[in-house]
Structures are given as C-alpha cells and as structure tokens.
Amino acid sequence: MVAAQARDRSLTNNEVKLRSDLKRFPSLLAEYNRLQPNVLVNRETLQQLLKARQELGLEIARGGFDWQSIEQPQLGKKTGPSWAKNLLLGAVSGLMLGSVAAFLRDAADDAVHTS
C-alpha cells in the first residue's frame, strides 16, 4: 500500500514536470524559428570560406603566386618619442594648467586686498 502511494506521488510529480516542460515549448519553438535563418546563413558562409581556403591552399601548393616587389623599399621615419616635442608640450600645458589654477584660486578668494 505504501509502495503504491509512493508510486502515485512519483507519477504526479512527473506529470507536473512534464506539463511545465510542455508550457515552455512554444517559446522555445519561437526562439528556434527566429535563430534558424541565422544558422543557415552562417553555415553557407562557413562553406564558402572553407572552399576559398582550400582553393588558396591548392594555389599556394602549386606555386601559382608570383610575388613581386612593386616599388623599392624606403627608409622609414622615426616614430618614437621626441624629447624636444615632449618638453615643449609639457611647458605649454604647464603654463595653461597654472593659469587655470591661478584663475580658480582668484575666483574663490572673496577678500579685498589693498596695498
């Protein structure tokens, strides 16, 4: 008798779980249908890329690329930090920040100074 009641409770719990799963299916189906076109486009793109990679690999294996230099190499420009430029920039920005600080200090001071 106890075993039958336990089995009945187990079956009831399973029924409740299955009903809740069935209620989720419409939203899952809607999401699946929304994502399916993206999956198809991505698969097609992947196939095209794999085909292009294979063709490029075959072309390289055959030695089909004739690499040529179009123009002579030229000396590049220095791209590192410039001491003179940094010093000038520091002086100008220091003067500007000092002027702003002096103006703010003067604006905050309400005292009247006499000589």
PDB file of N, CA and C in Angstrom:
ATOM      1  N   MET A   1       0.820  -1.184   0.000  1.00  0.00           N
ATOM      2  CA  MET A   1       0.000   0.000   0.000  1.00  0.00           C
ATOM      3  C   MET A   1       0.872   1.259   0.000  1.00  0.00           C
ATOM      4  N   VAL A   2       1.915   1.266   0.837  1.00  0.00           N
ATOM      5  CA  VAL A   2       2.820   2.405   0.915  1.00  0.00           C
ATOM      6  C   VAL A   2       3.559   2.564  -0.411  1.00  0.00           C
ATOM      7  N   ALA A   3       3.935   1.449  -1.003  1.00  0.00           N
ATOM      8  CA  ALA A   3       4.643   1.493  -2.280  1.00  0.00           C
ATOM      9  C   ALA A   3       3.747   2.086  -3.364  1.00  0.00           C
ATOM     10  N   ALA A   4       2.478   1.764  -3.346  1.00  0.00           N
ATOM     11  CA  ALA A   4       1.541   2.297  -4.337  1.00  0.00           C
ATOM     12  C   ALA A   4       1.370   3.802  -4.163  1.00  0.00           C
ATOM     13  N   GLN A   5       1.326   4.270  -2.911  1.00  0.00           N
ATOM     14  CA  GLN A   5       1.186   5.710  -2.661  1.00  0.00           C
ATOM     15  C   GLN A   5       2.450   6.452  -3.106  1.00  0.00           C
ATOM     16  N   ALA A   6       3.609   5.852  -2.840  1.00  0.00           N
ATOM     17  CA  ALA A   6       4.866   6.471  -3.254  1.00  0.00           C
ATOM     18  C   ALA A   6       4.941   6.543  -4.777  1.00  0.00           C
ATOM     19  N   ARG A   7       4.498   5.463  -5.416  1.00  0.00           N
ATOM     20  CA  ARG A   7       4.489   5.448  -6.885  1.00  0.00           C
ATOM     21  C   ARG A   7       3.522   6.490  -7.424  1.00  0.00           C
ATOM     22  N   ASP A   8       2.375   6.655  -6.773  1.00  0.00           N
ATOM     23  CA  ASP A   8       1.384   7.645  -7.195  1.00  0.00           C
ATOM     24  C   ASP A   8       1.961   9.060  -7.066  1.00  0.00           C
ATOM     25  N   ARG A   9       2.652   9.325  -5.937  1.00  0.00           N
ATOM     26  CA  ARG A   9       3.272  10.648  -5.756  1.00  0.00           C
ATOM     27  C   ARG A   9       4.342  10.889  -6.820  1.00  0.00           C
ATOM     28  N   SER A  10       5.139   9.869  -7.105  1.00  0.00           N
ATOM     29  CA  SER A  10       6.185   9.989  -8.113  1.00  0.00           C
ATOM     30  C   SER A  10       5.583  10.281  -9.484  1.00  0.00           C
ATOM     31  N   LEU A  11       4.517   9.574  -9.818  1.00  0.00           N
ATOM     32  CA  LEU A  11       3.854   9.800 -11.104  1.00  0.00           C
ATOM     33  C   LEU A  11       3.245  11.198 -11.170  1.00  0.00           C
ATOM     34  N   THR A  12       2.697  11.663 -10.067  1.00  0.00           N
ATOM     35  CA  THR A  12       2.118  13.009 -10.024  1.00  0.00           C
ATOM     36  C   THR A  12       3.206  14.064 -10.232  1.00  0.00           C
ATOM     37  N   ASN A  13       4.341  13.864  -9.559  1.00  0.00           N
ATOM     38  CA  ASN A  13       5.459  14.801  -9.731  1.00  0.00           C
ATOM     39  C   ASN A  13       5.955  14.811 -11.176  1.00  0.00           C
ATOM     40  N   ASN A  14       6.040  13.633 -11.771  1.00  0.00           N
ATOM     41  CA  ASN A  14       6.463  13.549 -13.170  1.00  0.00           C
ATOM     42  C   ASN A  14       5.468  14.244 -14.091  1.00  0.00           C
ATOM     43  N   GLU A  15       4.178  14.087 -13.789  1.00  0.00           N
ATOM     44  CA  GLU A  15       3.143  14.729 -14.604  1.00  0.00           C
ATOM     45  C   GLU A  15       3.263  16.253 -14.520  1.00  0.00           C
ATOM     46  N   VAL A  16       3.487  16.772 -13.320  1.00  0.00           N
ATOM     47  CA  VAL A  16       3.632  18.221 -13.139  1.00  0.00           C
ATOM     48  C   VAL A  16       4.854  18.727 -13.906  1.00  0.00           C
ATOM     49  N   LYS A  17       5.938  17.975 -13.822  1.00  0.00           N
ATOM     50  CA  LYS A  17       7.164  18.372 -14.522  1.00  0.00           C
ATOM     51  C   LYS A  17       6.953  18.361 -16.035  1.00  0.00           C
ATOM     52  N   LEU A  18       6.290  17.339 -16.543  1.00  0.00           N
ATOM     53  CA  LEU A  18       6.039  17.256 -17.977  1.00  0.00           C
ATOM     54  C   LEU A  18       5.125  18.384 -18.450  1.00  0.00           C
ATOM     55  N   ARG A  19       4.129  18.731 -17.649  1.00  0.00           N
ATOM     56  CA  ARG A  19       3.225  19.831 -18.027  1.00  0.00           C
ATOM     57  C   ARG A  19       3.985  21.162 -18.071  1.00  0.00           C
ATOM     58  N   SER A  20       4.881  21.374 -17.118  1.00  0.00           N
ATOM     59  CA  SER A  20       5.658  22.622 -17.132  1.00  0.00           C
ATOM     60  C   SER A  20       6.598  22.657 -18.340  1.00  0.00           C
ATOM     61  N   ASP A  21       7.154  21.490 -18.703  1.00  0.00           N
ATOM     62  CA  ASP A  21       8.001  21.432 -19.897  1.00  0.00           C
ATOM     63  C   ASP A  21       7.193  21.734 -21.156  1.00  0.00           C
ATOM     64  N   LEU A  22       5.965  21.227 -21.218  1.00  0.00           N
ATOM     65  CA  LEU A  22       5.114  21.481 -22.379  1.00  0.00           C
ATOM     66  C   LEU A  22       4.755  22.961 -22.495  1.00  0.00           C
ATOM     67  N   LYS A  23       4.634  23.650 -21.374  1.00  0.00           N
ATOM     68  CA  LYS A  23       4.315  25.084 -21.413  1.00  0.00           C
ATOM     69  C   LYS A  23       5.488  25.891 -21.963  1.00  0.00           C
ATOM     70  N   ARG A  24       6.706  25.377 -21.824  1.00  0.00           N
ATOM     71  CA  ARG A  24       7.883  26.086 -22.322  1.00  0.00           C
ATOM     72  C   ARG A  24       8.093  25.889 -23.818  1.00  0.00           C
ATOM     73  N   PHE A  25       7.521  24.857 -24.406  1.00  0.00           N
ATOM     74  CA  PHE A  25       7.781  24.545 -25.804  1.00  0.00           C
ATOM     75  C   PHE A  25       7.417  25.663 -26.778  1.00  0.00           C
ATOM     76  N   PRO A  26       6.304  26.360 -26.660  1.00  0.00           N
ATOM     77  CA  PRO A  26       6.011  27.419 -27.638  1.00  0.00           C
ATOM     78  C   PRO A  26       7.091  28.506 -27.676  1.00  0.00           C
ATOM     79  N   SER A  27       7.587  28.904 -26.517  1.00  0.00           N
ATOM     80  CA  SER A  27       8.635  29.931 -26.518  1.00  0.00           C
ATOM     81  C   SER A  27       9.930  29.374 -27.105  1.00  0.00           C
ATOM     82  N   LEU A  28      10.233  28.111 -26.809  1.00  0.00           N
ATOM     83  CA  LEU A  28      11.437  27.502 -27.373  1.00  0.00           C
ATOM     84  C   LEU A  28      11.328  27.357 -28.889  1.00  0.00           C
ATOM     85  N   LEU A  29      10.144  26.981 -29.366  1.00  0.00           N
ATOM     86  CA  LEU A  29       9.944  26.856 -30.808  1.00  0.00           C
ATOM     87  C   LEU A  29      10.051  28.215 -31.492  1.00  0.00           C
ATOM     88  N   ALA A  30       9.516  29.249 -30.864  1.00  0.00           N
ATOM     89  CA  ALA A  30       9.606  30.592 -31.441  1.00  0.00           C
ATOM     90  C   ALA A  30      11.064  31.036 -31.530  1.00  0.00           C
ATOM     91  N   GLU A  31      11.830  30.778 -30.486  1.00  0.00           N
ATOM     92  CA  GLU A  31      13.247  31.150 -30.499  1.00  0.00           C
ATOM     93  C   GLU A  31      14.008  30.332 -31.544  1.00  0.00           C
ATOM     94  N   TYR A  32      13.681  29.048 -31.662  1.00  0.00           N
ATOM     95  CA  TYR A  32      14.322  28.194 -32.661  1.00  0.00           C
ATOM     96  C   TYR A  32      14.044  28.723 -34.065  1.00  0.00           C
ATOM     97  N   ASN A  33      12.788  29.057 -34.337  1.00  0.00           N
ATOM     98  CA  ASN A  33      12.421  29.568 -35.660  1.00  0.00           C
ATOM     99  C   ASN A  33      13.075  30.921 -35.941  1.00  0.00           C
ATOM    100  N   ARG A  34      13.306  31.717 -34.895  1.00  0.00           N
ATOM    101  CA  ARG A  34      13.958  33.014 -35.067  1.00  0.00           C
ATOM    102  C   ARG A  34      15.447  32.829 -35.378  1.00  0.00           C
ATOM    103  N   LEU A  35      16.079  31.831 -34.776  1.00  0.00           N
ATOM    104  CA  LEU A  35      17.516  31.616 -34.945  1.00  0.00           C
ATOM    105  C   LEU A  35      17.870  30.796 -36.190  1.00  0.00           C
ATOM    106  N   GLN A  36      16.933  30.029 -36.697  1.00  0.00           N
ATOM    107  CA  GLN A  36      17.209  29.121 -37.810  1.00  0.00           C
ATOM    108  C   GLN A  36      17.746  29.837 -39.057  1.00  0.00           C
ATOM    109  N   PRO A  37      17.188  30.986 -39.501  1.00  0.00           N
ATOM    110  CA  PRO A  37      17.769  31.653 -40.678  1.00  0.00           C
ATOM    111  C   PRO A  37      19.220  32.084 -40.458  1.00  0.00           C
ATOM    112  N   ASN A  38      19.546  32.536 -39.255  1.00  0.00           N
ATOM    113  CA  ASN A  38      20.930  32.924 -38.966  1.00  0.00           C
ATOM    114  C   ASN A  38      21.859  31.721 -39.069  1.00  0.00           C
ATOM    115  N   VAL A  39      21.396  30.583 -38.603  1.00  0.00           N
ATOM    116  CA  VAL A  39      22.205  29.366 -38.670  1.00  0.00           C
ATOM    117  C   VAL A  39      22.470  28.992 -40.128  1.00  0.00           C
ATOM    118  N   LEU A  40      21.442  29.087 -40.963  1.00  0.00           N
ATOM    119  CA  LEU A  40      21.616  28.736 -42.375  1.00  0.00           C
ATOM    120  C   LEU A  40      22.598  29.684 -43.066  1.00  0.00           C
ATOM    121  N   VAL A  41      22.489  30.975 -42.792  1.00  0.00           N
ATOM    122  CA  VAL A  41      23.407  31.950 -43.393  1.00  0.00           C
ATOM    123  C   VAL A  41      24.832  31.689 -42.915  1.00  0.00           C
ATOM    124  N   ASN A  42      24.996  31.423 -41.628  1.00  0.00           N
ATOM    125  CA  ASN A  42      26.335  31.169 -41.089  1.00  0.00           C
ATOM    126  C   ASN A  42      26.938  29.889 -41.654  1.00  0.00           C
ATOM    127  N   ARG A  43      26.117  28.872 -41.844  1.00  0.00           N
ATOM    128  CA  ARG A  43      26.629  27.626 -42.438  1.00  0.00           C
ATOM    129  C   ARG A  43      27.076  27.853 -43.876  1.00  0.00           C
ATOM    130  N   GLU A  44      26.276  28.618 -44.625  1.00  0.00           N
ATOM    131  CA  GLU A  44      26.631  28.900 -46.015  1.00  0.00           C
ATOM    132  C   GLU A  44      27.930  29.707 -46.086  1.00  0.00           C
ATOM    133  N   THR A  45      28.068  30.682 -45.212  1.00  0.00           N
ATOM    134  CA  THR A  45      29.294  31.483 -45.164  1.00  0.00           C
ATOM    135  C   THR A  45      30.490  30.606 -44.814  1.00  0.00           C
ATOM    136  N   LEU A  46      30.309  29.719 -43.849  1.00  0.00           N
ATOM    137  CA  LEU A  46      31.387  28.805 -43.466  1.00  0.00           C
ATOM    138  C   LEU A  46      31.801  27.933 -44.642  1.00  0.00           C
ATOM    139  N   GLN A  47      30.827  27.409 -45.377  1.00  0.00           N
ATOM    140  CA  GLN A  47      31.150  26.560 -46.527  1.00  0.00           C
ATOM    141  C   GLN A  47      31.937  27.342 -47.575  1.00  0.00           C
ATOM    142  N   GLN A  48      31.536  28.593 -47.818  1.00  0.00           N
ATOM    143  CA  GLN A  48      32.248  29.414 -48.800  1.00  0.00           C
ATOM    144  C   GLN A  48      33.674  29.699 -48.338  1.00  0.00           C
ATOM    145  N   LEU A  49      33.838  29.992 -47.058  1.00  0.00           N
ATOM    146  CA  LEU A  49      35.179  30.267 -46.536  1.00  0.00           C
ATOM    147  C   LEU A  49      36.068  29.030 -46.586  1.00  0.00           C
ATOM    148  N   LEU A  50      35.503  27.870 -46.252  1.00  0.00           N
ATOM    149  CA  LEU A  50      36.288  26.633 -46.322  1.00  0.00           C
ATOM    150  C   LEU A  50      36.702  26.323 -47.754  1.00  0.00           C
ATOM    151  N   LYS A  51      35.788  26.570 -48.700  1.00  0.00           N
ATOM    152  CA  LYS A  51      36.103  26.335 -50.105  1.00  0.00           C
ATOM    153  C   LYS A  51      37.200  27.291 -50.572  1.00  0.00           C
ATOM    154  N   ALA A  52      37.103  28.558 -50.180  1.00  0.00           N
ATOM    155  CA  ALA A  52      38.127  29.540 -50.560  1.00  0.00           C
ATOM    156  C   ALA A  52      39.474  29.180 -49.948  1.00  0.00           C
ATOM    157  N   ARG A  53      39.473  28.723 -48.690  1.00  0.00           N
ATOM    158  CA  ARG A  53      40.723  28.327 -48.041  1.00  0.00           C
ATOM    159  C   ARG A  53      41.354  27.146 -48.766  1.00  0.00           C
ATOM    160  N   GLN A  54      40.521  26.181 -49.165  1.00  0.00           N
ATOM    161  CA  GLN A  54      41.042  25.011 -49.869  1.00  0.00           C
ATOM    162  C   GLN A  54      41.626  25.417 -51.225  1.00  0.00           C
ATOM    163  N   GLU A  55      40.919  26.293 -51.951  1.00  0.00           N
ATOM    164  CA  GLU A  55      41.420  26.735 -53.252  1.00  0.00           C
ATOM    165  C   GLU A  55      42.720  27.519 -53.098  1.00  0.00           C
ATOM    166  N   LEU A  56      42.795  28.354 -52.093  1.00  0.00           N
ATOM    167  CA  LEU A  56      44.010  29.131 -51.852  1.00  0.00           C
ATOM    168  C   LEU A  56      45.168  28.212 -51.471  1.00  0.00           C
ATOM    169  N   GLY A  57      44.892  27.199 -50.650  1.00  0.00           N
ATOM    170  CA  GLY A  57      45.930  26.238 -50.286  1.00  0.00           C
ATOM    171  C   GLY A  57      46.450  25.484 -51.494  1.00  0.00           C
ATOM    172  N   LEU A  58      45.544  25.093 -52.401  1.00  0.00           N
ATOM    173  CA  LEU A  58      45.972  24.403 -53.623  1.00  0.00           C
ATOM    174  C   LEU A  58      46.805  25.325 -54.508  1.00  0.00           C
ATOM    175  N   GLU A  59      46.398  26.585 -54.609  1.00  0.00           N
ATOM    176  CA  GLU A  59      47.140  27.544 -55.431  1.00  0.00           C
ATOM    177  C   GLU A  59      48.542  27.776 -54.868  1.00  0.00           C
ATOM    178  N   ILE A  60      48.645  27.863 -53.557  1.00  0.00           N
ATOM    179  CA  ILE A  60      49.961  28.040 -52.927  1.00  0.00           C
ATOM    180  C   ILE A  60      50.818  26.797 -53.136  1.00  0.00           C
ATOM    181  N   ALA A  61      50.210  25.605 -53.007  1.00  0.00           N
ATOM    182  CA  ALA A  61      50.959  24.358 -53.184  1.00  0.00           C
ATOM    183  C   ALA A  61      51.487  24.231 -54.613  1.00  0.00           C
ATOM    184  N   ARG A  62      50.729  24.739 -55.582  1.00  0.00           N
ATOM    185  CA  ARG A  62      51.174  24.686 -56.972  1.00  0.00           C
ATOM    186  C   ARG A  62      52.227  25.743 -57.272  1.00  0.00           C
ATOM    187  N   GLY A  63      52.394  26.678 -56.360  1.00  0.00           N
ATOM    188  CA  GLY A  63      53.352  27.762 -56.611  1.00  0.00           C
ATOM    189  C   GLY A  63      52.785  28.778 -57.580  1.00  0.00           C
ATOM    190  N   GLY A  64      51.508  28.958 -57.568  1.00  0.00           N
ATOM    191  CA  GLY A  64      50.838  29.829 -58.524  1.00  0.00           C
ATOM    192  C   GLY A  64      50.964  31.307 -58.234  1.00  0.00           C
ATOM    193  N   PHE A  65      51.496  31.675 -57.103  1.00  0.00           N
ATOM    194  CA  PHE A  65      51.629  33.093 -56.788  1.00  0.00           C
ATOM    195  C   PHE A  65      53.033  33.552 -57.124  1.00  0.00           C
ATOM    196  N   ASP A  66      53.126  34.593 -57.919  1.00  0.00           N
ATOM    197  CA  ASP A  66      54.416  35.171 -58.285  1.00  0.00           C
ATOM    198  C   ASP A  66      54.555  36.475 -57.509  1.00  0.00           C
ATOM    199  N   TRP A  67      55.231  36.386 -56.374  1.00  0.00           N
ATOM    200  CA  TRP A  67      55.365  37.560 -55.517  1.00  0.00           C
ATOM    201  C   TRP A  67      56.430  38.474 -56.100  1.00  0.00           C
ATOM    202  N   GLN A  68      56.055  39.732 -56.337  1.00  0.00           N
ATOM    203  CA  GLN A  68      56.987  40.708 -56.878  1.00  0.00           C
ATOM    204  C   GLN A  68      56.924  41.972 -56.035  1.00  0.00           C
ATOM    205  N   SER A  69      58.067  42.623 -55.948  1.00  0.00           N
ATOM    206  CA  SER A  69      58.123  43.905 -55.255  1.00  0.00           C
ATOM    207  C   SER A  69      57.712  44.995 -56.240  1.00  0.00           C
ATOM    208  N   ILE A  70      56.697  45.769 -55.902  1.00  0.00           N
ATOM    209  CA  ILE A  70      56.196  46.793 -56.809  1.00  0.00           C
ATOM    210  C   ILE A  70      57.097  48.019 -56.805  1.00  0.00           C
ATOM    211  N   GLU A  71      57.576  48.423 -55.647  1.00  0.00           N
ATOM    212  CA  GLU A  71      58.482  49.565 -55.575  1.00  0.00           C
ATOM    213  C   GLU A  71      59.601  49.253 -54.596  1.00  0.00           C
ATOM    214  N   GLN A  72      60.660  49.994 -54.711  1.00  0.00           N
ATOM    215  CA  GLN A  72      61.818  49.771 -53.857  1.00  0.00           C
ATOM    216  C   GLN A  72      61.496  50.177 -52.419  1.00  0.00           C
ATOM    217  N   PRO A  73      62.053  49.458 -51.455  1.00  0.00           N
ATOM    218  CA  PRO A  73      61.815  49.839 -50.063  1.00  0.00           C
ATOM    219  C   PRO A  73      62.471  51.179 -49.753  1.00  0.00           C
ATOM    220  N   GLN A  74      61.826  51.934 -48.874  1.00  0.00           N
ATOM    221  CA  GLN A  74      62.345  53.244 -48.494  1.00  0.00           C
ATOM    222  C   GLN A  74      62.574  53.266 -46.999  1.00  0.00           C
ATOM    223  N   LEU A  75      63.475  54.168 -46.589  1.00  0.00           N
ATOM    224  CA  LEU A  75      63.732  54.309 -45.164  1.00  0.00           C
ATOM    225  C   LEU A  75      62.507  54.916 -44.490  1.00  0.00           C
ATOM    226  N   GLY A  76      62.189  54.399 -43.334  1.00  0.00           N
ATOM    227  CA  GLY A  76      61.030  54.897 -42.612  1.00  0.00           C
ATOM    228  C   GLY A  76      61.367  56.109 -41.767  1.00  0.00           C
ATOM    229  N   LYS A  77      60.355  56.659 -41.141  1.00  0.00           N
ATOM    230  CA  LYS A  77      60.530  57.796 -40.250  1.00  0.00           C
ATOM    231  C   LYS A  77      60.554  57.303 -38.812  1.00  0.00           C
ATOM    232  N   LYS A  78      61.241  58.061 -37.975  1.00  0.00           N
ATOM    233  CA  LYS A  78      61.294  57.710 -36.561  1.00  0.00           C
ATOM    234  C   LYS A  78      59.910  57.939 -35.952  1.00  0.00           C
ATOM    235  N   THR A  79      59.401  56.947 -35.271  1.00  0.00           N
ATOM    236  CA  THR A  79      58.075  57.068 -34.677  1.00  0.00           C
ATOM    237  C   THR A  79      58.111  57.091 -33.160  1.00  0.00           C
ATOM    238  N   GLY A  80      59.292  57.057 -32.586  1.00  0.00           N
ATOM    239  CA  GLY A  80      59.416  57.040 -31.129  1.00  0.00           C
ATOM    240  C   GLY A  80      59.180  58.414 -30.526  1.00  0.00           C
ATOM    241  N   PRO A  81      59.320  58.522 -29.209  1.00  0.00           N
ATOM    242  CA  PRO A  81      59.090  59.801 -28.545  1.00  0.00           C
ATOM    243  C   PRO A  81      60.164  60.824 -28.920  1.00  0.00           C
ATOM    244  N   SER A  82      59.744  62.091 -29.021  1.00  0.00           N
ATOM    245  CA  SER A  82      60.656  63.185 -29.329  1.00  0.00           C
ATOM    246  C   SER A  82      60.821  64.029 -28.072  1.00  0.00           C
ATOM    247  N   TRP A  83      62.081  64.141 -27.599  1.00  0.00           N
ATOM    248  CA  TRP A  83      62.324  64.871 -26.348  1.00  0.00           C
ATOM    249  C   TRP A  83      61.942  66.334 -26.482  1.00  0.00           C
ATOM    250  N   ALA A  84      62.318  66.956 -27.580  1.00  0.00           N
ATOM    251  CA  ALA A  84      62.026  68.377 -27.766  1.00  0.00           C
ATOM    252  C   ALA A  84      60.517  68.615 -27.821  1.00  0.00           C
ATOM    253  N   LYS A  85      59.826  67.758 -28.536  1.00  0.00           N
ATOM    254  CA  LYS A  85      58.376  67.899 -28.659  1.00  0.00           C
ATOM    255  C   LYS A  85      57.698  67.698 -27.303  1.00  0.00           C
ATOM    256  N   ASN A  86      58.124  66.687 -26.557  1.00  0.00           N
ATOM    257  CA  ASN A  86      57.538  66.430 -25.238  1.00  0.00           C
ATOM    258  C   ASN A  86      57.835  67.560 -24.260  1.00  0.00           C
ATOM    259  N   LEU A  87      59.043  68.136 -24.325  1.00  0.00           N
ATOM    260  CA  LEU A  87      59.410  69.242 -23.445  1.00  0.00           C
ATOM    261  C   LEU A  87      58.565  70.475 -23.748  1.00  0.00           C
ATOM    262  N   LEU A  88      58.401  70.792 -25.019  1.00  0.00           N
ATOM    263  CA  LEU A  88      57.582  71.934 -25.413  1.00  0.00           C
ATOM    264  C   LEU A  88      56.126  71.715 -25.016  1.00  0.00           C
ATOM    265  N   LEU A  89      55.627  70.531 -25.249  1.00  0.00           N
ATOM    266  CA  LEU A  89      54.248  70.210 -24.873  1.00  0.00           C
ATOM    267  C   LEU A  89      54.058  70.301 -23.368  1.00  0.00           C
ATOM    268  N   GLY A  90      55.022  69.849 -22.591  1.00  0.00           N
ATOM    269  CA  GLY A  90      54.942  69.937 -21.135  1.00  0.00           C
ATOM    270  C   GLY A  90      54.957  71.372 -20.658  1.00  0.00           C
ATOM    271  N   ALA A  91      55.796  72.220 -21.280  1.00  0.00           N
ATOM    272  CA  ALA A  91      55.864  73.629 -20.877  1.00  0.00           C
ATOM    273  C   ALA A  91      54.555  74.346 -21.183  1.00  0.00           C
ATOM    274  N   VAL A  92      54.021  74.134 -22.364  1.00  0.00           N
ATOM    275  CA  VAL A  92      52.767  74.796 -22.750  1.00  0.00           C
ATOM    276  C   VAL A  92      51.616  74.324 -21.878  1.00  0.00           C
ATOM    277  N   SER A  93      51.493  73.019 -21.676  1.00  0.00           N
ATOM    278  CA  SER A  93      50.392  72.522 -20.842  1.00  0.00           C
ATOM    279  C   SER A  93      50.586  72.940 -19.386  1.00  0.00           C
ATOM    280  N   GLY A  94      51.821  73.053 -18.901  1.00  0.00           N
ATOM    281  CA  GLY A  94      52.067  73.523 -17.539  1.00  0.00           C
ATOM    282  C   GLY A  94      51.642  74.964 -17.360  1.00  0.00           C
ATOM    283  N   LEU A  95      51.956  75.807 -18.349  1.00  0.00           N
ATOM    284  CA  LEU A  95      51.522  77.206 -18.288  1.00  0.00           C
ATOM    285  C   LEU A  95      49.996  77.320 -18.308  1.00  0.00           C
ATOM    286  N   MET A  96      49.369  76.513 -19.151  1.00  0.00           N
ATOM    287  CA  MET A  96      47.900  76.564 -19.234  1.00  0.00           C
ATOM    288  C   MET A  96      47.267  76.095 -17.929  1.00  0.00           C
ATOM    289  N   LEU A  97      47.736  74.991 -17.391  1.00  0.00           N
ATOM    290  CA  LEU A  97      47.170  74.478 -16.142  1.00  0.00           C
ATOM    291  C   LEU A  97      47.449  75.428 -14.983  1.00  0.00           C
ATOM    292  N   GLY A  98      48.631  76.059 -14.971  1.00  0.00           N
ATOM    293  CA  GLY A  98      48.946  77.037 -13.937  1.00  0.00           C
ATOM    294  C   GLY A  98      48.039  78.251 -14.021  1.00  0.00           C
ATOM    295  N   SER A  99      47.761  78.709 -15.238  1.00  0.00           N
ATOM    296  CA  SER A  99      46.855  79.847 -15.422  1.00  0.00           C
ATOM    297  C   SER A  99      45.455  79.509 -14.948  1.00  0.00           C
ATOM    298  N   VAL A 100      44.975  78.323 -15.274  1.00  0.00           N
ATOM    299  CA  VAL A 100      43.642  77.892 -14.831  1.00  0.00           C
ATOM    300  C   VAL A 100      43.602  77.797 -13.315  1.00  0.00           C
ATOM    301  N   ALA A 101      44.643  77.247 -12.698  1.00  0.00           N
ATOM    302  CA  ALA A 101      44.677  77.130 -11.235  1.00  0.00           C
ATOM    303  C   ALA A 101      44.696  78.508 -10.582  1.00  0.00           C
ATOM    304  N   ALA A 102      45.471  79.462 -11.142  1.00  0.00           N
ATOM    305  CA  ALA A 102      45.521  80.813 -10.581  1.00  0.00           C
ATOM    306  C   ALA A 102      44.173  81.506 -10.721  1.00  0.00           C
ATOM    307  N   PHE A 103      43.518  81.328 -11.860  1.00  0.00           N
ATOM    308  CA  PHE A 103      42.201  81.929 -12.064  1.00  0.00           C
ATOM    309  C   PHE A 103      41.187  81.359 -11.078  1.00  0.00           C
ATOM    310  N   LEU A 104      41.192  80.046 -10.883  1.00  0.00           N
ATOM    311  CA  LEU A 104      40.259  79.422  -9.940  1.00  0.00           C
ATOM    312  C   LEU A 104      40.535  79.883  -8.515  1.00  0.00           C
ATOM    313  N   ARG A 105      41.804  80.028  -8.158  1.00  0.00           N
ATOM    314  CA  ARG A 105      42.154  80.491  -6.807  1.00  0.00           C
ATOM    315  C   ARG A 105      41.691  81.924  -6.603  1.00  0.00           C
ATOM    316  N   ASP A 106      41.885  82.764  -7.607  1.00  0.00           N
ATOM    317  CA  ASP A 106      41.468  84.153  -7.508  1.00  0.00           C
ATOM    318  C   ASP A 106      39.944  84.258  -7.463  1.00  0.00           C
ATOM    319  N   ALA A 107      39.243  83.410  -8.229  1.00  0.00           N
ATOM    320  CA  ALA A 107      37.785  83.451  -8.239  1.00  0.00           C
ATOM    321  C   ALA A 107      37.215  82.967  -6.912  1.00  0.00           C
ATOM    322  N   ALA A 108      37.909  82.071  -6.227  1.00  0.00           N
ATOM    323  CA  ALA A 108      37.417  81.538  -4.959  1.00  0.00           C
ATOM    324  C   ALA A 108      37.733  82.466  -3.788  1.00  0.00           C
ATOM    325  N   ASP A 109      38.653  83.407  -3.956  1.00  0.00           N
ATOM    326  CA  ASP A 109      39.064  84.310  -2.876  1.00  0.00           C
ATOM    327  C   ASP A 109      38.185  85.558  -2.907  1.00  0.00           C
ATOM    328  N   ASP A 110      37.372  85.771  -1.838  1.00  0.00           N
ATOM    329  CA  ASP A 110      36.470  86.914  -1.777  1.00  0.00           C
ATOM    330  C   ASP A 110      37.070  88.092  -1.019  1.00  0.00           C
ATOM    331  N   ALA A 111      38.259  87.957  -0.511  1.00  0.00           N
ATOM    332  CA  ALA A 111      38.871  89.019   0.293  1.00  0.00           C
ATOM    333  C   ALA A 111      39.327  90.171  -0.600  1.00  0.00           C
ATOM    334  N   VAL A 112      39.270  91.385  -0.047  1.00  0.00           N
ATOM    335  CA  VAL A 112      39.735  92.570  -0.764  1.00  0.00           C
ATOM    336  C   VAL A 112      41.153  92.862  -0.289  1.00  0.00           C
ATOM    337  N   HIS A 113      42.084  92.894  -1.191  1.00  0.00           N
ATOM    338  CA  HIS A 113      43.487  93.131  -0.860  1.00  0.00           C
ATOM    339  C   HIS A 113      43.846  94.572  -1.202  1.00  0.00           C
ATOM    340  N   THR A 114      44.464  95.288  -0.251  1.00  0.00           N
ATOM    341  CA  THR A 114      44.910  96.666  -0.502  1.00  0.00           C
ATOM    342  C   THR A 114      46.412  96.724  -0.365  1.00  0.00           C
ATOM    343  N   SER A 115      46.995  97.694  -1.010  1.00  0.00           N
ATOM    344  CA  SER A 115      48.446  97.801  -0.918  1.00  0.00           C
ATOM    345  C   SER A 115      48.882  98.938  -0.039  1.00  0.00           C
TER     346      SER A 115
END
